[in-house]
């Protein structure tokens, strides 16, 4: 099965990020899996400040690792990353399990350079701010349109 590990490491040295990525990759390789590739996205601001291991973070170093492995290996990688105090957040996504689904998936993940605003996807004119969302809009009332 093909998986994608999306990891956010505490900001600081690139050496720590490389060590975490290497440890995850070695764990996959020792279990008979294949690492397809790594992508380093650098440091970004987190959507909201996060507390992890009694420290508060507002930004983190993002990297992605694509790998082929069995389910238990993926669970072991998750367990190892959850115990590492340098990790802020991570997620493992299954991209597919049949050869037809995964044979064209590259090892690297490019940043999406096209910027699509939420207001564009909702066909709204004018500005759209997060404060425009309130309980009534989430529960089904139409989103308030701002005059253009």
N, C-alpha and C. Protein backbone atom coordinates (compact mmCIF):
# COMPACT_ATOMS: atom_id res chain seq x y z
N UNK A 1 0.84 -1.17 0.00
CA UNK A 1 0.00 0.00 0.00
C UNK A 1 0.88 1.23 0.00
N UNK A 2 0.43 2.25 -0.70
CA UNK A 2 1.17 3.50 -0.79
C UNK A 2 0.63 4.48 0.24
N UNK A 3 1.54 5.04 1.03
CA UNK A 3 1.17 6.01 2.05
C UNK A 3 1.94 7.30 1.83
N UNK A 4 1.39 8.37 2.40
CA UNK A 4 2.05 9.67 2.41
C UNK A 4 2.08 10.17 3.83
N UNK A 5 3.28 10.40 4.35
CA UNK A 5 3.46 10.95 5.69
C UNK A 5 3.64 12.45 5.56
N UNK A 6 2.77 13.21 6.19
CA UNK A 6 2.87 14.66 6.23
C UNK A 6 3.24 15.02 7.66
N UNK A 7 4.43 15.57 7.85
CA UNK A 7 4.94 15.80 9.20
C UNK A 7 5.31 17.26 9.41
N UNK A 8 5.08 17.72 10.64
CA UNK A 8 5.47 19.07 11.04
C UNK A 8 6.37 18.93 12.26
N UNK A 9 7.60 19.40 12.09
CA UNK A 9 8.61 19.31 13.14
C UNK A 9 8.80 20.70 13.73
N UNK A 10 9.17 20.75 15.01
CA UNK A 10 9.38 22.05 15.64
C UNK A 10 10.44 22.84 14.87
N UNK A 11 10.25 24.16 14.78
CA UNK A 11 11.21 24.95 14.03
C UNK A 11 12.56 24.96 14.74
N UNK A 12 13.58 25.11 13.97
CA UNK A 12 14.93 25.09 14.53
C UNK A 12 15.90 24.61 13.49
N UNK A 13 16.64 23.59 13.83
CA UNK A 13 17.69 23.16 12.91
C UNK A 13 17.17 22.16 11.88
N UNK A 14 17.71 22.28 10.68
CA UNK A 14 17.38 21.35 9.61
C UNK A 14 17.90 19.96 9.93
N UNK A 15 18.93 19.89 10.76
CA UNK A 15 19.51 18.61 11.17
C UNK A 15 18.48 17.73 11.88
N UNK A 16 17.67 18.35 12.74
CA UNK A 16 16.62 17.60 13.44
C UNK A 16 15.59 17.04 12.46
N UNK A 17 15.21 17.85 11.47
CA UNK A 17 14.21 17.42 10.49
C UNK A 17 14.76 16.24 9.69
N UNK A 18 16.01 16.35 9.26
CA UNK A 18 16.63 15.27 8.50
C UNK A 18 16.72 14.00 9.33
N UNK A 19 17.03 14.13 10.60
CA UNK A 19 17.14 12.96 11.47
C UNK A 19 15.79 12.26 11.64
N UNK A 20 14.73 13.03 11.84
CA UNK A 20 13.40 12.45 11.98
C UNK A 20 12.97 11.76 10.69
N UNK A 21 13.20 12.43 9.55
CA UNK A 21 12.84 11.84 8.25
C UNK A 21 13.64 10.58 7.99
N UNK A 22 14.91 10.61 8.33
CA UNK A 22 15.76 9.43 8.12
C UNK A 22 15.31 8.27 9.00
N UNK A 23 15.00 8.54 10.26
CA UNK A 23 14.54 7.48 11.16
C UNK A 23 13.25 6.83 10.66
N UNK A 24 12.33 7.65 10.17
CA UNK A 24 11.07 7.11 9.64
C UNK A 24 11.34 6.26 8.39
N UNK A 25 12.22 6.75 7.53
CA UNK A 25 12.56 6.01 6.32
C UNK A 25 13.27 4.70 6.61
N UNK A 26 14.21 4.72 7.55
CA UNK A 26 14.93 3.50 7.92
C UNK A 26 13.97 2.46 8.51
N UNK A 27 13.00 2.92 9.28
CA UNK A 27 12.02 2.01 9.84
C UNK A 27 11.20 1.33 8.74
N UNK A 28 10.84 2.08 7.71
CA UNK A 28 10.11 1.50 6.58
C UNK A 28 10.99 0.50 5.83
N UNK A 29 12.24 0.89 5.56
CA UNK A 29 13.15 0.02 4.81
C UNK A 29 13.48 -1.27 5.54
N UNK A 30 13.68 -1.20 6.84
CA UNK A 30 13.99 -2.40 7.64
C UNK A 30 12.82 -3.37 7.68
N UNK A 31 11.63 -2.88 7.46
CA UNK A 31 10.45 -3.74 7.49
C UNK A 31 10.07 -4.24 6.11
N UNK A 32 10.92 -4.00 5.12
CA UNK A 32 10.66 -4.50 3.77
C UNK A 32 9.87 -3.55 2.89
N UNK A 33 9.70 -2.32 3.31
CA UNK A 33 8.98 -1.34 2.52
C UNK A 33 9.90 -0.58 1.59
N UNK A 34 9.35 0.37 0.85
CA UNK A 34 10.09 1.18 -0.11
C UNK A 34 9.76 2.64 0.15
N UNK A 35 10.79 3.48 0.25
CA UNK A 35 10.59 4.92 0.37
C UNK A 35 10.65 5.50 -1.04
N UNK A 36 9.55 6.09 -1.50
CA UNK A 36 9.50 6.66 -2.86
C UNK A 36 10.18 8.01 -2.94
N UNK A 37 10.13 8.79 -1.87
CA UNK A 37 10.79 10.08 -1.91
C UNK A 37 10.40 10.98 -0.75
N UNK A 38 11.20 12.02 -0.57
CA UNK A 38 10.98 13.04 0.45
C UNK A 38 10.78 14.38 -0.25
N UNK A 39 9.99 15.23 0.36
CA UNK A 39 9.83 16.60 -0.10
C UNK A 39 9.91 17.51 1.12
N UNK A 40 10.81 18.48 1.05
CA UNK A 40 10.98 19.44 2.14
C UNK A 40 10.27 20.72 1.74
N UNK A 41 9.26 21.11 2.50
CA UNK A 41 8.52 22.34 2.21
C UNK A 41 9.00 23.52 3.03
N UNK A 42 9.86 23.30 3.99
CA UNK A 42 10.39 24.40 4.79
C UNK A 42 9.48 24.78 5.95
N UNK A 43 9.72 25.97 6.49
CA UNK A 43 8.99 26.44 7.67
C UNK A 43 7.78 27.26 7.25
N UNK A 44 6.64 26.95 7.85
CA UNK A 44 5.39 27.67 7.62
C UNK A 44 4.71 27.96 8.94
N UNK A 45 3.88 28.99 8.94
CA UNK A 45 3.06 29.29 10.10
C UNK A 45 1.94 28.27 10.19
N UNK A 46 1.66 27.79 11.38
CA UNK A 46 0.58 26.83 11.59
C UNK A 46 -0.76 27.55 11.54
N UNK A 47 -1.84 26.85 11.17
CA UNK A 47 -3.15 27.50 11.11
C UNK A 47 -3.57 28.13 12.43
N UNK A 48 -3.20 27.49 13.53
CA UNK A 48 -3.44 28.07 14.84
C UNK A 48 -2.33 27.59 15.77
N UNK A 49 -1.98 28.37 16.78
CA UNK A 49 -0.93 27.94 17.71
C UNK A 49 -1.29 26.59 18.34
N UNK A 50 -0.29 25.73 18.46
CA UNK A 50 -0.49 24.37 18.94
C UNK A 50 0.42 24.10 20.13
N UNK A 51 -0.09 23.43 21.12
CA UNK A 51 0.71 23.01 22.26
C UNK A 51 0.99 21.53 22.14
N UNK A 52 2.27 21.18 22.20
CA UNK A 52 2.68 19.79 22.10
C UNK A 52 3.88 19.59 23.03
N UNK A 53 3.84 18.57 23.87
CA UNK A 53 4.91 18.26 24.81
C UNK A 53 5.24 19.48 25.67
N UNK A 54 4.22 20.15 26.16
CA UNK A 54 4.30 21.30 27.07
C UNK A 54 5.05 22.49 26.47
N UNK A 55 5.02 22.61 25.16
CA UNK A 55 5.59 23.78 24.48
C UNK A 55 4.57 24.28 23.47
N UNK A 56 4.57 25.58 23.24
CA UNK A 56 3.61 26.19 22.33
C UNK A 56 4.32 26.56 21.04
N UNK A 57 3.73 26.19 19.90
CA UNK A 57 4.32 26.43 18.59
C UNK A 57 3.35 27.21 17.71
N UNK A 58 3.89 28.17 16.97
CA UNK A 58 3.07 28.90 16.00
C UNK A 58 3.55 28.66 14.57
N UNK A 59 4.72 28.01 14.42
CA UNK A 59 5.21 27.63 13.11
C UNK A 59 5.96 26.31 13.22
N UNK A 60 6.13 25.66 12.08
CA UNK A 60 6.79 24.36 12.09
C UNK A 60 7.40 24.05 10.74
N UNK A 61 8.32 23.11 10.74
CA UNK A 61 9.03 22.68 9.54
C UNK A 61 8.25 21.52 8.93
N UNK A 62 7.80 21.67 7.69
CA UNK A 62 6.96 20.67 7.03
C UNK A 62 7.79 19.81 6.09
N UNK A 63 7.58 18.49 6.15
CA UNK A 63 8.16 17.60 5.15
C UNK A 63 7.16 16.49 4.86
N UNK A 64 7.32 15.90 3.68
CA UNK A 64 6.44 14.82 3.24
C UNK A 64 7.30 13.65 2.81
N UNK A 65 6.88 12.45 3.21
CA UNK A 65 7.57 11.23 2.79
C UNK A 65 6.53 10.30 2.18
N UNK A 66 6.77 9.86 0.96
CA UNK A 66 5.90 8.86 0.33
C UNK A 66 6.58 7.52 0.40
N UNK A 67 5.82 6.51 0.85
CA UNK A 67 6.42 5.19 1.02
C UNK A 67 5.40 4.09 0.76
N UNK A 68 5.91 2.92 0.38
CA UNK A 68 5.11 1.71 0.22
C UNK A 68 5.43 0.80 1.39
N UNK A 69 4.41 0.34 2.08
CA UNK A 69 4.61 -0.55 3.23
C UNK A 69 3.28 -1.21 3.59
N UNK A 70 3.37 -2.17 4.48
CA UNK A 70 2.16 -2.83 4.96
C UNK A 70 1.52 -1.98 6.07
N UNK A 71 0.31 -2.35 6.45
CA UNK A 71 -0.41 -1.62 7.49
C UNK A 71 0.31 -1.60 8.83
N UNK A 72 0.84 -2.74 9.31
CA UNK A 72 1.55 -2.72 10.59
C UNK A 72 2.81 -1.84 10.58
N UNK A 73 3.48 -1.76 9.45
CA UNK A 73 4.66 -0.89 9.35
C UNK A 73 4.23 0.57 9.47
N UNK A 74 3.16 0.94 8.79
CA UNK A 74 2.63 2.30 8.88
C UNK A 74 2.26 2.63 10.32
N UNK A 75 1.66 1.68 11.03
CA UNK A 75 1.30 1.90 12.43
C UNK A 75 2.55 2.06 13.30
N UNK A 76 3.61 1.32 12.99
CA UNK A 76 4.86 1.44 13.74
C UNK A 76 5.51 2.81 13.51
N UNK A 77 5.46 3.31 12.29
CA UNK A 77 5.99 4.64 11.99
C UNK A 77 5.20 5.70 12.76
N UNK A 78 3.89 5.56 12.78
CA UNK A 78 3.05 6.50 13.54
C UNK A 78 3.38 6.47 15.02
N UNK A 79 3.56 5.29 15.57
CA UNK A 79 3.87 5.14 16.99
C UNK A 79 5.21 5.80 17.32
N UNK A 80 6.21 5.58 16.46
CA UNK A 80 7.53 6.17 16.68
C UNK A 80 7.47 7.69 16.63
N UNK A 81 6.76 8.24 15.65
CA UNK A 81 6.67 9.70 15.53
C UNK A 81 5.89 10.32 16.69
N UNK A 82 4.89 9.60 17.18
CA UNK A 82 4.10 10.17 18.29
C UNK A 82 4.90 10.27 19.58
N UNK A 83 5.94 9.45 19.71
CA UNK A 83 6.77 9.49 20.91
C UNK A 83 7.92 10.49 20.83
N UNK A 84 8.19 11.03 19.66
CA UNK A 84 9.30 11.96 19.47
C UNK A 84 8.88 13.35 19.92
N UNK A 85 9.57 13.94 20.90
CA UNK A 85 9.17 15.26 21.41
C UNK A 85 9.42 16.40 20.41
N UNK A 86 10.17 16.15 19.35
CA UNK A 86 10.43 17.19 18.35
C UNK A 86 9.28 17.35 17.36
N UNK A 87 8.40 16.37 17.31
CA UNK A 87 7.27 16.40 16.38
C UNK A 87 6.15 17.28 16.95
N UNK A 88 5.60 18.13 16.08
CA UNK A 88 4.44 18.93 16.47
C UNK A 88 3.17 18.21 16.06
N UNK A 89 3.13 17.76 14.81
CA UNK A 89 1.93 17.12 14.27
C UNK A 89 2.34 16.28 13.08
N UNK A 90 1.58 15.22 12.82
CA UNK A 90 1.83 14.42 11.63
C UNK A 90 0.55 13.70 11.25
N UNK A 91 0.51 13.26 10.01
CA UNK A 91 -0.63 12.52 9.50
C UNK A 91 -0.13 11.55 8.44
N UNK A 92 -0.69 10.36 8.41
CA UNK A 92 -0.36 9.38 7.39
C UNK A 92 -1.63 9.15 6.57
N UNK A 93 -1.51 9.34 5.26
CA UNK A 93 -2.65 9.22 4.36
C UNK A 93 -2.39 8.05 3.41
N UNK A 94 -3.39 7.20 3.26
CA UNK A 94 -3.27 6.10 2.32
C UNK A 94 -3.65 6.60 0.93
N UNK A 95 -2.73 6.46 -0.02
CA UNK A 95 -2.97 6.94 -1.38
C UNK A 95 -3.55 5.87 -2.29
N UNK A 96 -3.39 4.62 -1.92
CA UNK A 96 -3.94 3.54 -2.74
C UNK A 96 -3.34 2.21 -2.35
N UNK A 97 -4.00 1.13 -2.79
CA UNK A 97 -3.47 -0.19 -2.47
C UNK A 97 -3.35 -1.11 -3.68
N UNK A 98 -3.87 -0.69 -4.83
CA UNK A 98 -3.77 -1.50 -6.04
C UNK A 98 -2.74 -0.86 -6.96
N UNK A 99 -2.03 -1.69 -7.71
CA UNK A 99 -0.97 -1.21 -8.60
C UNK A 99 -1.50 -0.21 -9.62
N UNK A 100 -2.72 -0.43 -10.11
CA UNK A 100 -3.30 0.48 -11.08
C UNK A 100 -3.49 1.88 -10.51
N UNK A 101 -3.72 1.97 -9.20
CA UNK A 101 -3.97 3.26 -8.55
C UNK A 101 -2.67 4.02 -8.26
N UNK A 102 -1.59 3.30 -8.02
CA UNK A 102 -0.39 3.95 -7.50
C UNK A 102 0.81 3.93 -8.43
N UNK A 103 0.70 3.34 -9.61
CA UNK A 103 1.89 3.21 -10.45
C UNK A 103 2.38 4.54 -11.02
N UNK A 104 1.55 5.55 -11.13
CA UNK A 104 1.97 6.84 -11.67
C UNK A 104 2.22 7.91 -10.61
N UNK A 105 2.20 7.54 -9.33
CA UNK A 105 2.39 8.51 -8.26
C UNK A 105 3.89 8.78 -8.11
N UNK A 106 4.31 10.06 -8.26
CA UNK A 106 5.74 10.38 -8.12
C UNK A 106 6.17 10.38 -6.66
N UNK A 107 7.46 10.43 -6.43
CA UNK A 107 8.00 10.44 -5.07
C UNK A 107 7.95 11.79 -4.42
N UNK A 108 8.02 12.87 -5.21
CA UNK A 108 8.00 14.21 -4.62
C UNK A 108 6.62 14.82 -4.71
N UNK A 109 6.37 15.79 -3.85
CA UNK A 109 5.08 16.48 -3.80
C UNK A 109 5.35 17.96 -4.01
N UNK A 110 4.91 18.49 -5.12
CA UNK A 110 5.13 19.89 -5.42
C UNK A 110 4.12 20.77 -4.70
N UNK A 111 4.57 21.96 -4.33
CA UNK A 111 3.68 22.93 -3.70
C UNK A 111 2.69 23.43 -4.73
N UNK A 112 1.42 23.58 -4.35
CA UNK A 112 0.40 24.07 -5.25
C UNK A 112 0.58 25.57 -5.41
N UNK A 113 1.05 25.99 -6.58
CA UNK A 113 1.34 27.41 -6.78
C UNK A 113 0.10 28.21 -7.19
N UNK A 114 -0.99 27.55 -7.55
CA UNK A 114 -2.20 28.27 -7.89
C UNK A 114 -2.94 28.62 -6.61
N UNK A 115 -3.29 29.86 -6.48
CA UNK A 115 -3.97 30.31 -5.26
C UNK A 115 -5.45 30.45 -5.54
N UNK A 116 -6.23 29.67 -4.84
CA UNK A 116 -7.67 29.76 -4.99
C UNK A 116 -8.25 30.20 -3.66
N UNK A 117 -8.90 31.30 -3.66
CA UNK A 117 -9.49 31.81 -2.44
C UNK A 117 -10.78 31.07 -2.12
N UNK A 118 -11.09 31.00 -0.85
CA UNK A 118 -12.34 30.39 -0.42
C UNK A 118 -13.52 31.12 -1.03
N UNK A 119 -13.42 32.45 -1.10
CA UNK A 119 -14.52 33.22 -1.68
C UNK A 119 -14.72 32.90 -3.15
N UNK A 120 -13.63 32.59 -3.88
CA UNK A 120 -13.75 32.21 -5.29
C UNK A 120 -14.46 30.87 -5.43
N UNK A 121 -14.13 29.94 -4.54
CA UNK A 121 -14.75 28.62 -4.64
C UNK A 121 -16.22 28.66 -4.25
N UNK A 122 -16.63 29.64 -3.45
CA UNK A 122 -18.03 29.77 -3.04
C UNK A 122 -18.80 30.75 -3.92
N UNK A 123 -18.14 31.29 -4.95
CA UNK A 123 -18.74 32.25 -5.87
C UNK A 123 -19.24 33.50 -5.14
N UNK A 124 -18.46 33.98 -4.20
CA UNK A 124 -18.81 35.19 -3.46
C UNK A 124 -18.04 36.36 -4.04
N UNK A 125 -18.66 37.52 -4.04
CA UNK A 125 -17.97 38.72 -4.47
C UNK A 125 -17.53 39.48 -3.23
N UNK A 126 -16.47 40.22 -3.36
CA UNK A 126 -15.99 41.00 -2.23
C UNK A 126 -15.10 40.17 -1.33
N UNK A 127 -14.81 40.72 -0.20
CA UNK A 127 -13.88 40.03 0.71
C UNK A 127 -14.64 39.03 1.56
N UNK A 128 -13.92 38.02 1.97
CA UNK A 128 -14.49 36.97 2.82
C UNK A 128 -13.54 36.78 3.98
N UNK A 129 -14.02 36.96 5.17
CA UNK A 129 -13.18 36.85 6.34
C UNK A 129 -13.69 35.72 7.22
N UNK A 130 -12.79 35.17 8.01
CA UNK A 130 -13.18 34.06 8.87
C UNK A 130 -14.23 34.50 9.88
N UNK A 131 -14.26 35.77 10.23
CA UNK A 131 -15.27 36.22 11.19
C UNK A 131 -16.67 36.25 10.56
N UNK A 132 -16.75 36.17 9.20
CA UNK A 132 -18.04 36.10 8.54
C UNK A 132 -18.73 34.76 8.81
N UNK A 133 -17.94 33.76 9.18
CA UNK A 133 -18.52 32.46 9.52
C UNK A 133 -18.94 32.50 10.97
N UNK A 134 -20.16 32.22 11.22
CA UNK A 134 -20.63 32.12 12.60
C UNK A 134 -21.49 30.87 12.70
N UNK A 135 -22.09 30.68 13.82
CA UNK A 135 -22.85 29.46 14.05
C UNK A 135 -23.99 29.30 13.05
N UNK A 136 -24.64 30.39 12.65
CA UNK A 136 -25.77 30.26 11.73
C UNK A 136 -25.31 29.84 10.33
N UNK A 137 -24.13 30.29 9.91
CA UNK A 137 -23.66 29.89 8.58
C UNK A 137 -23.23 28.44 8.57
N UNK A 138 -22.69 27.98 9.66
CA UNK A 138 -22.27 26.58 9.73
C UNK A 138 -23.48 25.66 9.79
N UNK A 139 -24.54 26.11 10.43
CA UNK A 139 -25.72 25.26 10.61
C UNK A 139 -26.67 25.31 9.42
N UNK A 140 -26.32 26.01 8.35
CA UNK A 140 -27.15 25.91 7.16
C UNK A 140 -27.71 27.18 6.59
N UNK A 141 -27.63 28.31 7.31
CA UNK A 141 -28.09 29.55 6.71
C UNK A 141 -27.11 29.99 5.63
N UNK A 142 -27.57 30.72 4.64
CA UNK A 142 -26.65 31.14 3.59
C UNK A 142 -25.57 32.06 4.13
N UNK A 143 -24.43 32.04 3.48
CA UNK A 143 -23.32 32.90 3.88
C UNK A 143 -23.65 34.32 3.47
N UNK A 144 -23.36 35.24 4.36
CA UNK A 144 -23.64 36.64 4.14
C UNK A 144 -22.78 37.16 2.99
N UNK A 145 -23.39 37.76 2.01
CA UNK A 145 -22.66 38.31 0.88
C UNK A 145 -22.34 39.77 1.16
N UNK A 146 -21.10 40.12 0.81
CA UNK A 146 -20.70 41.52 0.99
C UNK A 146 -20.90 42.23 -0.32
N UNK A 147 -21.36 43.48 -0.28
CA UNK A 147 -21.58 44.23 -1.53
C UNK A 147 -20.25 44.48 -2.23
N UNK A 148 -20.27 44.45 -3.58
CA UNK A 148 -19.02 44.67 -4.33
C UNK A 148 -18.86 46.10 -4.77
